C-alpha atoms as a PDB file:
ATOM      1  CA  MET A   1     -65.891 206.267 131.711  1.00  0.00           C
ATOM      2  CA  ALA A   2     -62.581 205.363 130.328  1.00  0.00           C
ATOM      3  CA  LEU A   3     -59.833 206.824 130.794  1.00  0.00           C
ATOM      4  CA  ARG A   4     -58.751 208.810 127.370  1.00  0.00           C
ATOM      5  CA  ILE A   5     -55.569 210.064 125.808  1.00  0.00           C
ATOM      6  CA  ASN A   6     -54.905 213.611 127.584  1.00  0.00           C
ATOM      7  CA  ASP A   7     -56.802 213.045 130.772  1.00  0.00           C
ATOM      8  CA  THR A   8     -55.240 213.423 133.668  1.00  0.00           C
ATOM      9  CA  VAL A   9     -54.815 210.210 135.238  1.00  0.00           C
ATOM     10  CA  PRO A  10     -57.050 209.129 138.470  1.00  0.00           C
ATOM     11  CA  ASN A  11     -54.294 210.349 141.981  1.00  0.00           C
ATOM     12  CA  PHE A  12     -54.963 207.639 144.832  1.00  0.00           C
ATOM     13  CA  THR A  13     -52.993 206.436 147.518  1.00  0.00           C
ATOM     14  CA  ALA A  14     -51.991 202.725 147.656  1.00  0.00           C
ATOM     15  CA  GLU A  15     -49.641 200.437 149.349  1.00  0.00           C
ATOM     16  CA  THR A  16     -46.846 199.162 147.827  1.00  0.00           C
ATOM     17  CA  ASP A  17     -44.197 196.924 148.638  1.00  0.00           C
ATOM     18  CA  GLN A  18     -41.901 199.732 149.068  1.00  0.00           C
ATOM     19  CA  GLY A  19     -44.613 201.165 151.485  1.00  0.00           C
ATOM     20  CA  THR A  20     -47.314 203.963 150.792  1.00  0.00           C
ATOM     21  CA  ILE A  21     -47.470 206.233 148.067  1.00  0.00           C
ATOM     22  CA  LYS A  22     -49.558 208.741 146.548  1.00  0.00           C
ATOM     23  CA  PHE A  23     -49.692 208.585 142.724  1.00  0.00           C
ATOM     24  CA  HIS A  24     -48.935 212.004 141.481  1.00  0.00           C
ATOM     25  CA  ASP A  25     -46.879 212.946 144.177  1.00  0.00           C
ATOM     26  CA  TRP A  26     -44.306 209.494 143.459  1.00  0.00           C
ATOM     27  CA  ILE A  27     -44.420 210.797 139.881  1.00  0.00           C
ATOM     28  CA  GLY A  28     -43.638 213.986 140.517  1.00  0.00           C
ATOM     29  CA  ASP A  29     -41.371 216.106 137.826  1.00  0.00           C
ATOM     30  CA  SER A  30     -41.051 212.443 135.700  1.00  0.00           C
ATOM     31  CA  TRP A  31     -42.202 210.374 132.717  1.00  0.00           C
ATOM     32  CA  ALA A  32     -44.119 207.087 134.481  1.00  0.00           C
ATOM     33  CA  ILE A  33     -45.003 203.679 133.309  1.00  0.00           C
ATOM     34  CA  LEU A  34     -48.041 202.095 135.346  1.00  0.00           C
ATOM     35  CA  PHE A  35     -47.844 197.833 133.811  1.00  0.00           C
ATOM     36  CA  SER A  36     -50.665 196.197 135.768  1.00  0.00           C
ATOM     37  CA  HIS A  37     -50.612 192.497 135.877  1.00  0.00           C
ATOM     38  CA  PRO A  38     -53.972 189.779 137.112  1.00  0.00           C
ATOM     39  CA  LYS A  39     -51.987 188.110 139.764  1.00  0.00           C
ATOM     40  CA  ASP A  40     -48.494 187.147 141.496  1.00  0.00           C
ATOM     41  CA  PHE A  41     -46.587 184.208 140.645  1.00  0.00           C
ATOM     42  CA  THR A  42     -47.917 184.005 137.334  1.00  0.00           C
ATOM     43  CA  PRO A  43     -45.623 182.395 134.141  1.00  0.00           C
ATOM     44  CA  VAL A  44     -46.466 185.375 131.522  1.00  0.00           C
ATOM     45  CA  CYS A  45     -46.253 188.387 134.171  1.00  0.00           C
ATOM     46  CA  THR A  46     -43.160 186.306 135.860  1.00  0.00           C
ATOM     47  CA  THR A  47     -41.295 187.386 132.472  1.00  0.00           C
ATOM     48  CA  GLU A  48     -42.487 190.566 131.654  1.00  0.00           C
ATOM     49  CA  PHE A  49     -41.782 192.169 135.444  1.00  0.00           C
ATOM     50  CA  GLY A  50     -38.722 190.600 134.313  1.00  0.00           C
ATOM     51  CA  ALA A  51     -37.784 192.584 131.537  1.00  0.00           C
ATOM     52  CA  VAL A  52     -38.839 195.961 133.068  1.00  0.00           C
ATOM     53  CA  ALA A  53     -36.142 194.814 135.546  1.00  0.00           C
ATOM     54  CA  GLN A  54     -33.682 194.541 132.939  1.00  0.00           C
ATOM     55  CA  LEU A  55     -34.043 198.064 131.147  1.00  0.00           C
ATOM     56  CA  ALA A  56     -33.418 199.600 134.437  1.00  0.00           C
ATOM     57  CA  ASP A  57     -31.063 202.114 132.947  1.00  0.00           C
ATOM     58  CA  GLU A  58     -32.907 202.651 130.372  1.00  0.00           C
ATOM     59  CA  TRP A  59     -35.863 203.820 132.173  1.00  0.00           C
ATOM     60  CA  ALA A  60     -33.638 206.323 133.957  1.00  0.00           C
ATOM     61  CA  LYS A  61     -31.958 207.920 130.840  1.00  0.00           C
ATOM     62  CA  ARG A  62     -35.642 209.030 130.074  1.00  0.00           C
ATOM     63  CA  ALA A  63     -36.109 210.499 133.443  1.00  0.00           C
ATOM     64  CA  THR A  64     -39.114 208.026 133.712  1.00  0.00           C
ATOM     65  CA  LYS A  65     -39.902 206.409 136.880  1.00  0.00           C
ATOM     66  CA  VAL A  66     -41.958 202.446 136.270  1.00  0.00           C
ATOM     67  CA  ILE A  67     -44.266 200.804 138.625  1.00  0.00           C
ATOM     68  CA  GLY A  68     -46.118 197.415 138.173  1.00  0.00           C
ATOM     69  CA  LEU A  69     -49.673 196.832 139.923  1.00  0.00           C
ATOM     70  CA  SER A  70     -50.871 193.368 140.869  1.00  0.00           C
ATOM     71  CA  VAL A  71     -54.084 192.624 142.773  1.00  0.00           C
ATOM     72  CA  ASP A  72     -52.841 190.416 145.482  1.00  0.00           C
ATOM     73  CA  GLY A  73     -50.643 191.733 148.563  1.00  0.00           C
ATOM     74  CA  VAL A  74     -47.532 193.097 149.385  1.00  0.00           C
ATOM     75  CA  GLU A  75     -45.865 190.300 151.098  1.00  0.00           C
ATOM     76  CA  ASP A  76     -46.889 188.045 147.918  1.00  0.00           C
ATOM     77  CA  HIS A  77     -45.271 190.694 146.184  1.00  0.00           C
ATOM     78  CA  LYS A  78     -41.871 190.733 148.240  1.00  0.00           C
ATOM     79  CA  ALA A  79     -41.487 186.904 148.121  1.00  0.00           C
ATOM     80  CA  TRP A  80     -42.646 187.219 143.522  1.00  0.00           C
ATOM     81  CA  LYS A  81     -39.913 189.357 143.398  1.00  0.00           C
ATOM     82  CA  GLY A  82     -37.406 186.720 144.313  1.00  0.00           C
ATOM     83  CA  ASP A  83     -38.290 185.068 141.570  1.00  0.00           C
ATOM     84  CA  ILE A  84     -38.501 187.708 138.657  1.00  0.00           C
ATOM     85  CA  GLU A  85     -35.122 188.515 140.017  1.00  0.00           C
ATOM     86  CA  LYS A  86     -33.766 184.866 139.725  1.00  0.00           C
ATOM     87  CA  THR A  87     -35.435 184.056 136.230  1.00  0.00           C
ATOM     88  CA  SER A  88     -34.111 187.854 135.343  1.00  0.00           C
ATOM     89  CA  GLY A  89     -30.806 188.374 136.454  1.00  0.00           C
ATOM     90  CA  ALA A  90     -31.492 191.754 137.651  1.00  0.00           C
ATOM     91  CA  PRO A  91     -32.578 193.423 141.017  1.00  0.00           C
ATOM     92  CA  ALA A  92     -36.558 194.287 140.826  1.00  0.00           C
ATOM     93  CA  GLY A  93     -35.892 197.857 142.163  1.00  0.00           C
ATOM     94  CA  PHE A  94     -39.346 199.575 141.140  1.00  0.00           C
ATOM     95  CA  PRO A  95     -42.477 199.174 143.606  1.00  0.00           C
ATOM     96  CA  ILE A  96     -45.653 196.773 143.252  1.00  0.00           C
ATOM     97  CA  ILE A  97     -48.641 198.300 143.848  1.00  0.00           C
ATOM     98  CA  ALA A  98     -50.673 195.768 146.065  1.00  0.00           C
ATOM     99  CA  ASP A  99     -54.234 196.193 144.188  1.00  0.00           C
ATOM    100  CA  GLU A 100     -56.379 193.706 146.640  1.00  0.00           C
ATOM    101  CA  ASP A 101     -59.566 196.182 146.660  1.00  0.00           C
ATOM    102  CA  LEU A 102     -59.152 196.040 143.054  1.00  0.00           C
ATOM    103  CA  ALA A 103     -59.610 200.051 143.394  1.00  0.00           C
ATOM    104  CA  VAL A 104     -57.136 201.146 140.839  1.00  0.00           C
ATOM    105  CA  SER A 105     -57.788 199.047 138.480  1.00  0.00           C
ATOM    106  CA  LYS A 106     -60.914 199.973 138.612  1.00  0.00           C
ATOM    107  CA  ALA A 107     -60.137 203.620 138.327  1.00  0.00           C
ATOM    108  CA  PHE A 108     -57.850 202.702 135.717  1.00  0.00           C
ATOM    109  CA  ASP A 109     -61.065 201.431 134.252  1.00  0.00           C
ATOM    110  CA  MET A 110     -59.294 197.923 133.826  1.00  0.00           C
ATOM    111  CA  LEU A 111     -62.185 196.539 135.614  1.00  0.00           C
ATOM    112  CA  PRO A 112     -65.965 197.160 135.713  1.00  0.00           C
ATOM    113  CA  ALA A 113     -67.287 198.559 138.567  1.00  0.00           C
ATOM    114  CA  GLU A 114     -69.110 195.807 139.924  1.00  0.00           C
ATOM    115  CA  ALA A 115     -65.733 192.811 139.590  1.00  0.00           C
ATOM    116  CA  TYR A 116     -64.757 191.149 142.779  1.00  0.00           C
ATOM    117  CA  LEU A 117     -62.107 188.576 143.935  1.00  0.00           C
ATOM    118  CA  PRO A 118     -63.779 185.204 144.655  1.00  0.00           C
ATOM    119  CA  ASP A 119     -62.455 182.831 147.270  1.00  0.00           C
ATOM    120  CA  GLY A 120     -60.371 180.195 145.203  1.00  0.00           C
ATOM    121  CA  ARG A 121     -59.631 182.923 142.250  1.00  0.00           C
ATOM    122  CA  THR A 122     -57.534 182.737 139.003  1.00  0.00           C
ATOM    123  CA  PRO A 123     -55.986 184.853 136.853  1.00  0.00           C
ATOM    124  CA  ALA A 124     -58.881 184.553 134.522  1.00  0.00           C
ATOM    125  CA  ASP A 125     -60.868 186.374 137.508  1.00  0.00           C
ATOM    126  CA  SER A 126     -59.126 189.785 136.764  1.00  0.00           C
ATOM    127  CA  ALA A 127     -57.599 189.254 133.335  1.00  0.00           C
ATOM    128  CA  THR A 128     -58.353 192.334 131.581  1.00  0.00           C
ATOM    129  CA  VAL A 129     -55.189 193.493 134.556  1.00  0.00           C
ATOM    130  CA  ARG A 130     -53.287 193.657 131.707  1.00  0.00           C
ATOM    131  CA  ALA A 131     -52.195 197.555 130.765  1.00  0.00           C
ATOM    132  CA  VAL A 132     -49.450 199.721 130.025  1.00  0.00           C
ATOM    133  CA  PHE A 133     -49.921 203.021 130.793  1.00  0.00           C
ATOM    134  CA  ILE A 134     -47.415 206.041 130.256  1.00  0.00           C
ATOM    135  CA  ILE A 135     -47.784 209.012 132.066  1.00  0.00           C
ATOM    136  CA  GLY A 136     -45.885 212.617 131.191  1.00  0.00           C
ATOM    137  CA  PRO A 137     -45.005 215.115 133.731  1.00  0.00           C
ATOM    138  CA  ASP A 138     -48.049 216.740 133.678  1.00  0.00           C
ATOM    139  CA  LYS A 139     -49.998 213.054 134.706  1.00  0.00           C
ATOM    140  CA  LYS A 140     -51.752 213.029 131.811  1.00  0.00           C
ATOM    141  CA  LEU A 141     -52.286 210.048 129.755  1.00  0.00           C
ATOM    142  CA  LYS A 142     -50.253 209.824 126.523  1.00  0.00           C
ATOM    143  CA  LEU A 143     -50.244 206.357 125.543  1.00  0.00           C
ATOM    144  CA  SER A 144     -51.999 202.879 126.787  1.00  0.00           C
ATOM    145  CA  MET A 145     -51.914 199.355 125.583  1.00  0.00           C
ATOM    146  CA  VAL A 146     -53.440 196.304 126.552  1.00  0.00           C
ATOM    147  CA  TYR A 147     -52.705 192.475 126.336  1.00  0.00           C
ATOM    148  CA  PRO A 148     -54.807 189.344 127.301  1.00  0.00           C
ATOM    149  CA  MET A 149     -53.081 186.705 129.360  1.00  0.00           C
ATOM    150  CA  ASN A 150     -51.152 184.443 126.974  1.00  0.00           C
ATOM    151  CA  VAL A 151     -49.085 187.085 124.977  1.00  0.00           C
ATOM    152  CA  GLY A 152     -46.135 188.732 126.585  1.00  0.00           C
ATOM    153  CA  ARG A 153     -45.429 192.279 126.428  1.00  0.00           C
ATOM    154  CA  ASN A 154     -43.223 193.554 124.099  1.00  0.00           C
ATOM    155  CA  PHE A 155     -41.117 196.345 126.516  1.00  0.00           C
ATOM    156  CA  ALA A 156     -38.940 197.284 123.662  1.00  0.00           C
ATOM    157  CA  GLU A 157     -42.038 198.505 121.785  1.00  0.00           C
ATOM    158  CA  VAL A 158     -42.650 200.428 125.232  1.00  0.00           C
ATOM    159  CA  LEU A 159     -39.326 201.771 124.895  1.00  0.00           C
ATOM    160  CA  ARG A 160     -39.776 203.115 121.612  1.00  0.00           C
ATOM    161  CA  ALA A 161     -43.110 204.170 122.420  1.00  0.00           C
ATOM    162  CA  LEU A 162     -41.820 206.208 125.570  1.00  0.00           C
ATOM    163  CA  ASP A 163     -38.845 207.268 122.752  1.00  0.00           C
ATOM    164  CA  GLY A 164     -41.459 208.638 120.485  1.00  0.00           C
ATOM    165  CA  LEU A 165     -43.739 210.398 123.117  1.00  0.00           C
ATOM    166  CA  GLN A 166     -40.760 212.419 124.693  1.00  0.00           C
ATOM    167  CA  MET A 167     -39.778 213.710 121.093  1.00  0.00           C
ATOM    168  CA  ALA A 168     -42.720 214.543 119.717  1.00  0.00           C
ATOM    169  CA  ASN A 169     -44.098 216.543 122.818  1.00  0.00           C
ATOM    170  CA  GLY A 170     -40.792 217.978 123.297  1.00  0.00           C
ATOM    171  CA  ASN A 171     -40.469 219.063 120.392  1.00  0.00           C
ATOM    172  CA  GLY A 172     -43.436 220.122 118.129  1.00  0.00           C
ATOM    173  CA  VAL A 173     -43.378 217.250 115.941  1.00  0.00           C
ATOM    174  CA  ALA A 174     -44.545 213.426 115.189  1.00  0.00           C
ATOM    175  CA  THR A 175     -42.658 209.863 114.438  1.00  0.00           C
ATOM    176  CA  PRO A 176     -43.504 208.007 111.518  1.00  0.00           C
ATOM    177  CA  ALA A 177     -44.033 203.933 111.742  1.00  0.00           C
ATOM    178  CA  ASN A 178     -41.318 201.840 113.130  1.00  0.00           C
ATOM    179  CA  TRP A 179     -39.442 205.021 114.284  1.00  0.00           C
ATOM    180  CA  THR A 180     -36.362 204.762 116.614  1.00  0.00           C
ATOM    181  CA  VAL A 181     -34.390 207.472 117.562  1.00  0.00           C
ATOM    182  CA  GLY A 182     -32.035 208.938 115.395  1.00  0.00           C
ATOM    183  CA  ASP A 183     -34.572 208.664 112.070  1.00  0.00           C
ATOM    184  CA  ASP A 184     -35.936 211.190 110.929  1.00  0.00           C
ATOM    185  CA  VAL A 185     -39.200 212.516 112.072  1.00  0.00           C
ATOM    186  CA  ILE A 186     -42.488 214.126 110.622  1.00  0.00           C
ATOM    187  CA  VAL A 187     -43.291 218.192 110.533  1.00  0.00           C
ATOM    188  CA  PRO A 188     -47.255 218.467 111.738  1.00  0.00           C
ATOM    189  CA  THR A 189     -49.585 219.294 108.923  1.00  0.00           C
ATOM    190  CA  THR A 190     -50.653 222.439 111.227  1.00  0.00           C
ATOM    191  CA  VAL A 191     -46.566 224.064 110.267  1.00  0.00           C
ATOM    192  CA  SER A 192     -46.482 225.988 106.871  1.00  0.00           C
ATOM    193  CA  ASP A 193     -43.647 225.372 104.566  1.00  0.00           C
ATOM    194  CA  GLU A 194     -42.345 228.685 105.841  1.00  0.00           C
ATOM    195  CA  ASP A 195     -42.483 227.808 109.666  1.00  0.00           C
ATOM    196  CA  ALA A 196     -40.864 224.380 109.226  1.00  0.00           C
ATOM    197  CA  LYS A 197     -38.305 226.070 107.268  1.00  0.00           C
ATOM    198  CA  ALA A 198     -37.313 228.328 110.064  1.00  0.00           C
ATOM    199  CA  LYS A 199     -37.826 226.149 112.776  1.00  0.00           C
ATOM    200  CA  PHE A 200     -36.559 222.574 111.689  1.00  0.00           C
ATOM    201  CA  GLY A 201     -34.227 224.413 108.912  1.00  0.00           C
ATOM    202  CA  ASP A 202     -33.908 221.733 105.889  1.00  0.00           C
ATOM    203  CA  PHE A 203     -37.181 219.202 105.535  1.00  0.00           C
ATOM    204  CA  LYS A 204     -38.233 216.949 103.039  1.00  0.00           C
ATOM    205  CA  THR A 205     -41.702 217.065 100.605  1.00  0.00           C
ATOM    206  CA  VAL A 206     -42.605 213.131 100.297  1.00  0.00           C
ATOM    207  CA  LEU A 207     -46.104 213.750  99.591  1.00  0.00           C
ATOM    208  CA  PRO A 208     -48.233 217.944 100.148  1.00  0.00           C
ATOM    209  CA  TYR A 209     -49.098 216.336 103.667  1.00  0.00           C
ATOM    210  CA  LEU A 210     -46.035 214.179 104.524  1.00  0.00           C
ATOM    211  CA  ARG A 211     -42.613 216.292 105.459  1.00  0.00           C
ATOM    212  CA  THR A 212     -39.860 214.647 106.962  1.00  0.00           C
ATOM    213  CA  THR A 213     -36.812 216.265 108.821  1.00  0.00           C
ATOM    214  CA  ALA A 214     -33.793 215.153 110.869  1.00  0.00           C
ATOM    215  CA  ALA A 215     -34.640 215.241 114.674  1.00  0.00           C
ATOM    216  CA  PRO A 216     -34.103 217.563 116.957  1.00  0.00           C
ATOM    217  CA  SER A 217     -31.104 216.797 119.023  1.00  0.00           C
END
């Protein structure tokens, strides 16, 4: 069954290049981002892991843990991190799950139950393991994105989406298209004008169903 927004994400025990983790325990009280890849030592994936490494301070500011996943083993992950750090100029301090048995990929519905890795496999054999999952401290899925192998993910957008989620979930508001930190937010339609005035102070009515207000600090 597909993993849907607001579902509790699977809890699993897995090996990483930094040791064994139990996923929900590893998340703890933080936000978390799981980003997955079909194979180590591949060009697009290397640039993506590098982009995540370069954003280490930004994840920390948002109390967010990041963890990679690839269907290769721990030793490959450790060796691959050398290439990631060489090309990005940043230490890859996050763990990478070694999903050699595809258990995590299947639990997160990235691969069908009958999937397996053939001898002499290529990234195409696990091509759909190219997803991003943003998970809240409540261990529920807040957002997911899936990309093809030939389009690199924009981790600035992942960061922007994380900001939007943290703003919306923490303040009872919504964010408009292209919202970034500091922009006005949307007052939900479930909130009356009277309650909006009490909660947010001034707000602007653009349409009867579209009201905006300054983002809560």
